[in-house]
Amino acid sequence: MNDQIKRLDSKIGNQLELLSFHIPKSAGTSFRNMLRDVYGAEAVLRFDTPLRGGGKFRVEQQPFTGRTLPNRVRVLHGHFSWQHVNNILDLPPDIPKITWLRDPVERVVSNYFYLAKRLREILDEEGRGINILTKMERSLTEYAQAEINQNRMSKFLEGLHLSDFRFVGILERMDEDLQHMADAMGWTIQEAYQHNATGKRKREITAGERAVIEACNAEDLALYQEALELRKQGYWTV
């Protein structure tokens, strides 16, 4: 639909107060709940766009065909890239932005096992007496080597530098960084939040699997190390 590739009413950009970039398997669900406690449930909208653009976007996981968003919305949180969401909404460049990063290898492994778990639940092969998944399932390294699964953090943040963010949290330091983020944003945190873990792995990854994942995610490794260094320098907490 043509409306999908046109910009929404430019007034939308004026009402928004925050963009929260949710990189898959980086504490997005629990963090969205916290945002709703801070801003109010109706003020935080889940907004997802195709990573590379050129397709339909979704609001609260439903296809969206309108041209405007509710006036009450102050925060967009979801899987979107800056370049695509800005093209849709015509946002001011200085709108506050936040995100969470995660060790790239751990993020890929978590994403792989999460998708495998979801696929098994959907297919219910045991209950249906079939074994299609067993025959078709990709290995961890095959998953990691697919271009669409490489450098996902860098792809979501393409067009931005870490210094453009009001705060960048590190998942491995979530408890500490939640408070740092709250201080930076002027929030009061009412409860403790836990990220939505996929669950225990069936096995540890091998050195060979780790090497493949690292080789396929060099950009994300560099991004993550840069974030750790900026964090060490107190960039977002001063």
C-alpha atoms as a PDB file:
ATOM      1  CA  MET A   1       0.000   0.000   0.000  1.00  0.00           C
ATOM      2  CA  ASN A   2       1.364   3.410  -0.969  1.00  0.00           C
ATOM      3  CA  ASP A   3       0.552   4.882   2.433  1.00  0.00           C
ATOM      4  CA  GLN A   4       3.141   2.554   3.913  1.00  0.00           C
ATOM      5  CA  ILE A   5       6.033   4.315   2.217  1.00  0.00           C
ATOM      6  CA  LYS A   6       4.802   7.887   2.753  1.00  0.00           C
ATOM      7  CA  ARG A   7       5.698   9.891   5.821  1.00  0.00           C
ATOM      8  CA  LEU A   8       3.149  10.146   8.573  1.00  0.00           C
ATOM      9  CA  ASP A   9       1.815  13.517   9.677  1.00  0.00           C
ATOM     10  CA  SER A  10       4.903  15.574  10.598  1.00  0.00           C
ATOM     11  CA  LYS A  11       3.204  16.608  13.857  1.00  0.00           C
ATOM     12  CA  ILE A  12       3.943  13.114  15.112  1.00  0.00           C
ATOM     13  CA  GLY A  13       7.604  13.991  15.382  1.00  0.00           C
ATOM     14  CA  ASN A  14       6.768  16.917  17.660  1.00  0.00           C
ATOM     15  CA  GLN A  15       4.771  14.891  20.170  1.00  0.00           C
ATOM     16  CA  LEU A  16       7.318  12.108  20.664  1.00  0.00           C
ATOM     17  CA  GLU A  17       9.719  12.377  23.582  1.00  0.00           C
ATOM     18  CA  LEU A  18      11.796   9.228  23.196  1.00  0.00           C
ATOM     19  CA  LEU A  19      12.847   6.474  20.798  1.00  0.00           C
ATOM     20  CA  SER A  20      13.736   3.129  22.365  1.00  0.00           C
ATOM     21  CA  PHE A  21      15.560   0.867  19.917  1.00  0.00           C
ATOM     22  CA  HIS A  22      14.876  -2.778  20.807  1.00  0.00           C
ATOM     23  CA  ILE A  23      17.570  -5.012  19.379  1.00  0.00           C
ATOM     24  CA  PRO A  24      16.314  -8.627  19.441  1.00  0.00           C
ATOM     25  CA  LYS A  25      17.310 -10.623  22.526  1.00  0.00           C
ATOM     26  CA  SER A  26      18.574  -7.550  24.350  1.00  0.00           C
ATOM     27  CA  ALA A  27      16.110  -7.079  27.223  1.00  0.00           C
ATOM     28  CA  GLY A  28      13.454  -5.346  25.144  1.00  0.00           C
ATOM     29  CA  THR A  29      10.315  -6.885  26.625  1.00  0.00           C
ATOM     30  CA  SER A  30      11.078  -6.190  30.261  1.00  0.00           C
ATOM     31  CA  PHE A  31      12.379  -2.735  29.383  1.00  0.00           C
ATOM     32  CA  ARG A  32       9.150  -1.904  27.525  1.00  0.00           C
ATOM     33  CA  ASN A  33       7.247  -2.775  30.701  1.00  0.00           C
ATOM     34  CA  MET A  34       9.440  -0.365  32.629  1.00  0.00           C
ATOM     35  CA  LEU A  35       8.836   2.387  30.072  1.00  0.00           C
ATOM     36  CA  ARG A  36       5.096   1.881  30.484  1.00  0.00           C
ATOM     37  CA  ASP A  37       5.432   2.266  34.236  1.00  0.00           C
ATOM     38  CA  VAL A  38       7.394   5.491  33.774  1.00  0.00           C
ATOM     39  CA  TYR A  39       5.336   7.121  31.008  1.00  0.00           C
ATOM     40  CA  GLY A  40       2.008   5.326  31.359  1.00  0.00           C
ATOM     41  CA  ALA A  41       0.846   2.292  29.390  1.00  0.00           C
ATOM     42  CA  GLU A  42      -0.974   4.286  26.700  1.00  0.00           C
ATOM     43  CA  ALA A  43       1.987   6.608  26.100  1.00  0.00           C
ATOM     44  CA  VAL A  44       4.363   3.808  25.021  1.00  0.00           C
ATOM     45  CA  LEU A  45       3.722   2.246  21.626  1.00  0.00           C
ATOM     46  CA  ARG A  46       5.369  -0.813  20.164  1.00  0.00           C
ATOM     47  CA  PHE A  47       6.438   0.179  16.655  1.00  0.00           C
ATOM     48  CA  ASP A  48       8.211  -2.283  14.355  1.00  0.00           C
ATOM     49  CA  THR A  49       9.570  -1.724  10.867  1.00  0.00           C
ATOM     50  CA  PRO A  50      11.456  -3.968   8.433  1.00  0.00           C
ATOM     51  CA  LEU A  51      15.148  -3.599   9.178  1.00  0.00           C
ATOM     52  CA  ARG A  52      16.055  -2.460   5.675  1.00  0.00           C
ATOM     53  CA  GLY A  53      12.789  -0.663   4.920  1.00  0.00           C
ATOM     54  CA  GLY A  54      10.643  -1.134   1.859  1.00  0.00           C
ATOM     55  CA  GLY A  55       7.870  -3.051   3.600  1.00  0.00           C
ATOM     56  CA  LYS A  56       4.927  -2.704   5.926  1.00  0.00           C
ATOM     57  CA  PHE A  57       5.321  -1.610   9.503  1.00  0.00           C
ATOM     58  CA  ARG A  58       3.406  -2.854  12.525  1.00  0.00           C
ATOM     59  CA  VAL A  59       1.927  -1.196  15.586  1.00  0.00           C
ATOM     60  CA  GLU A  60       1.467  -3.414  18.641  1.00  0.00           C
ATOM     61  CA  GLN A  61       2.258  -6.384  16.381  1.00  0.00           C
ATOM     62  CA  GLN A  62      -0.635  -5.619  14.028  1.00  0.00           C
ATOM     63  CA  PRO A  63      -0.306  -4.340  10.427  1.00  0.00           C
ATOM     64  CA  PHE A  64      -0.723  -0.575  10.393  1.00  0.00           C
ATOM     65  CA  THR A  65      -2.356   1.161   7.444  1.00  0.00           C
ATOM     66  CA  GLY A  66      -3.020   4.609   8.895  1.00  0.00           C
ATOM     67  CA  ARG A  67      -1.204   7.889   8.513  1.00  0.00           C
ATOM     68  CA  THR A  68      -1.138   9.072  12.132  1.00  0.00           C
ATOM     69  CA  LEU A  69      -0.475   7.762  15.611  1.00  0.00           C
ATOM     70  CA  PRO A  70      -2.584   8.469  18.720  1.00  0.00           C
ATOM     71  CA  ASN A  71      -1.819  11.859  20.255  1.00  0.00           C
ATOM     72  CA  ARG A  72      -1.232  10.240  23.640  1.00  0.00           C
ATOM     73  CA  VAL A  73       1.874   8.405  22.378  1.00  0.00           C
ATOM     74  CA  ARG A  74       5.147   9.815  23.704  1.00  0.00           C
ATOM     75  CA  VAL A  75       7.513   6.855  23.315  1.00  0.00           C
ATOM     76  CA  LEU A  76       8.160   4.473  20.436  1.00  0.00           C
ATOM     77  CA  HIS A  77       9.730   1.170  21.432  1.00  0.00           C
ATOM     78  CA  GLY A  78      10.400  -1.681  19.056  1.00  0.00           C
ATOM     79  CA  HIS A  79      12.438  -3.283  16.318  1.00  0.00           C
ATOM     80  CA  PHE A  80      13.201  -0.390  13.990  1.00  0.00           C
ATOM     81  CA  SER A  81      16.203   1.267  12.408  1.00  0.00           C
ATOM     82  CA  TRP A  82      16.773   5.010  12.696  1.00  0.00           C
ATOM     83  CA  GLN A  83      16.878   5.531   8.942  1.00  0.00           C
ATOM     84  CA  HIS A  84      13.561   3.801   8.329  1.00  0.00           C
ATOM     85  CA  VAL A  85      11.614   5.198  11.279  1.00  0.00           C
ATOM     86  CA  ASN A  86      12.864   8.699  10.504  1.00  0.00           C
ATOM     87  CA  ASN A  87      11.787   8.344   6.890  1.00  0.00           C
ATOM     88  CA  ILE A  88       8.302   7.369   8.039  1.00  0.00           C
ATOM     89  CA  LEU A  89       7.827   9.905  10.821  1.00  0.00           C
ATOM     90  CA  ASP A  90      10.069  12.860   9.878  1.00  0.00           C
ATOM     91  CA  LEU A  91      11.577  13.071  13.362  1.00  0.00           C
ATOM     92  CA  PRO A  92      13.778  15.853  14.741  1.00  0.00           C
ATOM     93  CA  PRO A  93      17.406  14.643  14.693  1.00  0.00           C
ATOM     94  CA  ASP A  94      17.913  15.480  18.370  1.00  0.00           C
ATOM     95  CA  ILE A  95      15.018  13.392  19.684  1.00  0.00           C
ATOM     96  CA  PRO A  96      16.324  11.441  22.701  1.00  0.00           C
ATOM     97  CA  LYS A  97      17.322   7.869  21.875  1.00  0.00           C
ATOM     98  CA  ILE A  98      18.129   4.902  24.074  1.00  0.00           C
ATOM     99  CA  THR A  99      19.050   1.281  23.453  1.00  0.00           C
ATOM    100  CA  TRP A 100      20.555  -1.823  25.041  1.00  0.00           C
ATOM    101  CA  LEU A 101      23.501  -3.750  23.642  1.00  0.00           C
ATOM    102  CA  ARG A 102      24.591  -7.288  24.422  1.00  0.00           C
ATOM    103  CA  ASP A 103      27.697  -9.383  23.915  1.00  0.00           C
ATOM    104  CA  PRO A 104      27.319 -10.172  20.186  1.00  0.00           C
ATOM    105  CA  VAL A 105      28.105 -13.866  20.472  1.00  0.00           C
ATOM    106  CA  GLU A 106      25.670 -14.327  23.339  1.00  0.00           C
ATOM    107  CA  ARG A 107      23.013 -12.365  21.454  1.00  0.00           C
ATOM    108  CA  VAL A 108      23.301 -14.557  18.341  1.00  0.00           C
ATOM    109  CA  VAL A 109      23.236 -17.772  20.376  1.00  0.00           C
ATOM    110  CA  SER A 110      20.242 -16.579  22.387  1.00  0.00           C
ATOM    111  CA  ASN A 111      18.384 -15.560  19.239  1.00  0.00           C
ATOM    112  CA  TYR A 112      19.085 -18.921  17.606  1.00  0.00           C
ATOM    113  CA  PHE A 113      17.789 -20.977  20.527  1.00  0.00           C
ATOM    114  CA  TYR A 114      14.809 -18.669  20.998  1.00  0.00           C
ATOM    115  CA  LEU A 115      13.753 -19.077  17.361  1.00  0.00           C
ATOM    116  CA  ALA A 116      14.309 -22.834  17.508  1.00  0.00           C
ATOM    117  CA  LYS A 117      12.146 -23.040  20.634  1.00  0.00           C
ATOM    118  CA  ARG A 118       9.375 -20.946  19.095  1.00  0.00           C
ATOM    119  CA  LEU A 119       9.418 -23.020  15.916  1.00  0.00           C
ATOM    120  CA  ARG A 120       9.068 -26.232  17.884  1.00  0.00           C
ATOM    121  CA  GLU A 121       6.157 -24.785  19.825  1.00  0.00           C
ATOM    122  CA  ILE A 122       4.402 -23.698  16.632  1.00  0.00           C
ATOM    123  CA  LEU A 123       4.937 -26.969  14.782  1.00  0.00           C
ATOM    124  CA  ASP A 124       4.250 -29.222  17.789  1.00  0.00           C
ATOM    125  CA  GLU A 125       5.932 -32.061  15.905  1.00  0.00           C
ATOM    126  CA  GLU A 126       5.743 -34.524  18.766  1.00  0.00           C
ATOM    127  CA  GLY A 127       2.036 -33.991  19.201  1.00  0.00           C
ATOM    128  CA  ARG A 128       1.380 -34.210  15.479  1.00  0.00           C
ATOM    129  CA  GLY A 129       3.695 -37.159  14.857  1.00  0.00           C
ATOM    130  CA  ILE A 130       5.874 -35.439  12.252  1.00  0.00           C
ATOM    131  CA  ASN A 131       9.599 -34.688  12.003  1.00  0.00           C
ATOM    132  CA  ILE A 132       9.860 -31.911   9.418  1.00  0.00           C
ATOM    133  CA  LEU A 133      11.864 -29.667  11.724  1.00  0.00           C
ATOM    134  CA  THR A 134      14.435 -32.387  12.386  1.00  0.00           C
ATOM    135  CA  LYS A 135      15.031 -32.703   8.662  1.00  0.00           C
ATOM    136  CA  MET A 136      15.075 -28.975   7.884  1.00  0.00           C
ATOM    137  CA  GLU A 137      16.632 -27.416  10.989  1.00  0.00           C
ATOM    138  CA  ARG A 138      19.742 -25.300  10.493  1.00  0.00           C
ATOM    139  CA  SER A 139      22.727 -25.618  12.779  1.00  0.00           C
ATOM    140  CA  LEU A 140      23.902 -22.700  14.909  1.00  0.00           C
ATOM    141  CA  THR A 141      26.773 -21.939  12.533  1.00  0.00           C
ATOM    142  CA  GLU A 142      24.504 -22.114   9.473  1.00  0.00           C
ATOM    143  CA  TYR A 143      22.148 -19.674  11.182  1.00  0.00           C
ATOM    144  CA  ALA A 144      25.022 -17.359  12.098  1.00  0.00           C
ATOM    145  CA  GLN A 145      26.415 -17.366   8.554  1.00  0.00           C
ATOM    146  CA  ALA A 146      23.168 -16.194   6.962  1.00  0.00           C
ATOM    147  CA  GLU A 147      23.603 -12.507   6.066  1.00  0.00           C
ATOM    148  CA  ILE A 148      20.302 -11.501   7.630  1.00  0.00           C
ATOM    149  CA  ASN A 149      21.547 -12.726  11.019  1.00  0.00           C
ATOM    150  CA  GLN A 150      24.920 -10.971  10.919  1.00  0.00           C
ATOM    151  CA  ASN A 151      25.746  -7.690  12.704  1.00  0.00           C
ATOM    152  CA  ARG A 152      22.138  -7.151  13.745  1.00  0.00           C
ATOM    153  CA  MET A 153      22.984  -4.524  16.359  1.00  0.00           C
ATOM    154  CA  SER A 154      24.914  -2.433  13.852  1.00  0.00           C
ATOM    155  CA  LYS A 155      22.113  -2.725  11.301  1.00  0.00           C
ATOM    156  CA  PHE A 156      19.478  -1.467  13.724  1.00  0.00           C
ATOM    157  CA  LEU A 157      21.646   1.504  14.704  1.00  0.00           C
ATOM    158  CA  GLU A 158      22.862   2.299  11.187  1.00  0.00           C
ATOM    159  CA  GLY A 159      23.041   6.050  10.582  1.00  0.00           C
ATOM    160  CA  LEU A 160      23.709   6.795  14.245  1.00  0.00           C
ATOM    161  CA  HIS A 161      26.791   6.940  16.439  1.00  0.00           C
ATOM    162  CA  LEU A 162      26.745   5.784  20.045  1.00  0.00           C
ATOM    163  CA  SER A 163      27.339   9.392  21.044  1.00  0.00           C
ATOM    164  CA  ASP A 164      23.936  10.245  19.532  1.00  0.00           C
ATOM    165  CA  PHE A 165      22.189   8.279  22.277  1.00  0.00           C
ATOM    166  CA  ARG A 166      21.009   9.722  25.559  1.00  0.00           C
ATOM    167  CA  PHE A 167      21.884   6.370  27.076  1.00  0.00           C
ATOM    168  CA  VAL A 168      23.197   2.982  25.941  1.00  0.00           C
ATOM    169  CA  GLY A 169      22.719   0.168  28.424  1.00  0.00           C
ATOM    170  CA  ILE A 170      24.739  -3.042  28.563  1.00  0.00           C
ATOM    171  CA  LEU A 171      22.635  -6.147  29.148  1.00  0.00           C
ATOM    172  CA  GLU A 172      25.364  -7.867  31.157  1.00  0.00           C
ATOM    173  CA  ARG A 173      25.261  -4.872  33.538  1.00  0.00           C
ATOM    174  CA  MET A 174      21.489  -4.477  33.440  1.00  0.00           C
ATOM    175  CA  ASP A 175      20.755  -3.954  37.121  1.00  0.00           C
ATOM    176  CA  GLU A 176      23.399  -1.259  37.422  1.00  0.00           C
ATOM    177  CA  ASP A 177      22.653   0.370  34.078  1.00  0.00           C
ATOM    178  CA  LEU A 178      18.911   0.539  34.707  1.00  0.00           C
ATOM    179  CA  GLN A 179      19.640   2.879  37.578  1.00  0.00           C
ATOM    180  CA  HIS A 180      22.189   4.834  35.530  1.00  0.00           C
ATOM    181  CA  MET A 181      19.620   5.200  32.743  1.00  0.00           C
ATOM    182  CA  ALA A 182      16.939   6.286  35.198  1.00  0.00           C
ATOM    183  CA  ASP A 183      19.278   8.928  36.597  1.00  0.00           C
ATOM    184  CA  ALA A 184      20.191  10.160  33.114  1.00  0.00           C
ATOM    185  CA  MET A 185      16.527  10.346  32.048  1.00  0.00           C
ATOM    186  CA  GLY A 186      15.127  11.646  35.327  1.00  0.00           C
ATOM    187  CA  TRP A 187      13.009   8.529  35.925  1.00  0.00           C
ATOM    188  CA  THR A 188      11.913   6.923  39.151  1.00  0.00           C
ATOM    189  CA  ILE A 189      12.071   3.119  38.976  1.00  0.00           C
ATOM    190  CA  GLN A 190       9.281   1.481  40.948  1.00  0.00           C
ATOM    191  CA  GLU A 191      10.235  -2.180  40.559  1.00  0.00           C
ATOM    192  CA  ALA A 192      13.134  -4.436  39.678  1.00  0.00           C
ATOM    193  CA  TYR A 193      13.037  -5.721  36.116  1.00  0.00           C
ATOM    194  CA  GLN A 194      14.483  -8.906  34.703  1.00  0.00           C
ATOM    195  CA  HIS A 195      15.225  -9.465  31.033  1.00  0.00           C
ATOM    196  CA  ASN A 196      13.267 -12.173  29.240  1.00  0.00           C
ATOM    197  CA  ALA A 197      15.795 -15.002  29.126  1.00  0.00           C
ATOM    198  CA  THR A 198      15.264 -17.761  26.583  1.00  0.00           C
ATOM    199  CA  GLY A 199      16.146 -20.411  29.129  1.00  0.00           C
ATOM    200  CA  LYS A 200      19.081 -22.691  29.745  1.00  0.00           C
ATOM    201  CA  ARG A 201      20.916 -23.869  26.679  1.00  0.00           C
ATOM    202  CA  LYS A 202      20.947 -27.542  25.895  1.00  0.00           C
ATOM    203  CA  ARG A 203      24.691 -27.350  25.468  1.00  0.00           C
ATOM    204  CA  GLU A 204      27.579 -24.922  25.584  1.00  0.00           C
ATOM    205  CA  ILE A 205      28.828 -23.658  22.252  1.00  0.00           C
ATOM    206  CA  THR A 206      32.144 -24.969  20.997  1.00  0.00           C
ATOM    207  CA  ALA A 207      35.257 -22.917  20.305  1.00  0.00           C
ATOM    208  CA  GLY A 208      34.660 -23.478  16.588  1.00  0.00           C
ATOM    209  CA  GLU A 209      31.091 -22.190  16.785  1.00  0.00           C
ATOM    210  CA  ARG A 210      32.241 -19.137  18.715  1.00  0.00           C
ATOM    211  CA  ALA A 211      34.898 -18.415  16.103  1.00  0.00           C
ATOM    212  CA  VAL A 212      32.331 -18.571  13.293  1.00  0.00           C
ATOM    213  CA  ILE A 213      29.927 -16.252  15.125  1.00  0.00           C
ATOM    214  CA  GLU A 214      32.696 -13.771  15.892  1.00  0.00           C
ATOM    215  CA  ALA A 215      33.862 -13.775  12.269  1.00  0.00           C
ATOM    216  CA  CYS A 216      30.309 -13.101  11.083  1.00  0.00           C
ATOM    217  CA  ASN A 217      29.757 -10.246  13.537  1.00  0.00           C
ATOM    218  CA  ALA A 218      32.922  -8.176  13.428  1.00  0.00           C
ATOM    219  CA  GLU A 219      30.970  -4.891  13.234  1.00  0.00           C
ATOM    220  CA  ASP A 220      28.864  -5.776  16.260  1.00  0.00           C
ATOM    221  CA  LEU A 221      31.942  -6.804  18.234  1.00  0.00           C
ATOM    222  CA  ALA A 222      33.537  -3.423  17.495  1.00  0.00           C
ATOM    223  CA  LEU A 223      30.300  -1.607  18.408  1.00  0.00           C
ATOM    224  CA  TYR A 224      30.000  -3.505  21.668  1.00  0.00           C
ATOM    225  CA  GLN A 225      33.620  -2.831  22.628  1.00  0.00           C
ATOM    226  CA  GLU A 226      33.157   0.860  21.861  1.00  0.00           C
ATOM    227  CA  ALA A 227      30.076   0.933  24.106  1.00  0.00           C
ATOM    228  CA  LEU A 228      31.994  -0.769  26.916  1.00  0.00           C
ATOM    229  CA  GLU A 229      34.799   1.774  26.605  1.00  0.00           C
ATOM    230  CA  LEU A 230      32.398   4.741  26.613  1.00  0.00           C
ATOM    231  CA  ARG A 231      30.628   3.238  29.601  1.00  0.00           C
ATOM    232  CA  LYS A 232      33.969   2.823  31.397  1.00  0.00           C
ATOM    233  CA  GLN A 233      34.677   6.494  30.749  1.00  0.00           C
ATOM    234  CA  GLY A 234      31.326   7.423  32.281  1.00  0.00           C
ATOM    235  CA  TYR A 235      30.052   8.826  28.999  1.00  0.00           C
ATOM    236  CA  TRP A 236      26.356   8.294  29.797  1.00  0.00           C
ATOM    237  CA  THR A 237      26.545   8.634  33.559  1.00  0.00           C
ATOM    238  CA  VAL A 238      28.402  11.912  34.057  1.00  0.00           C
END
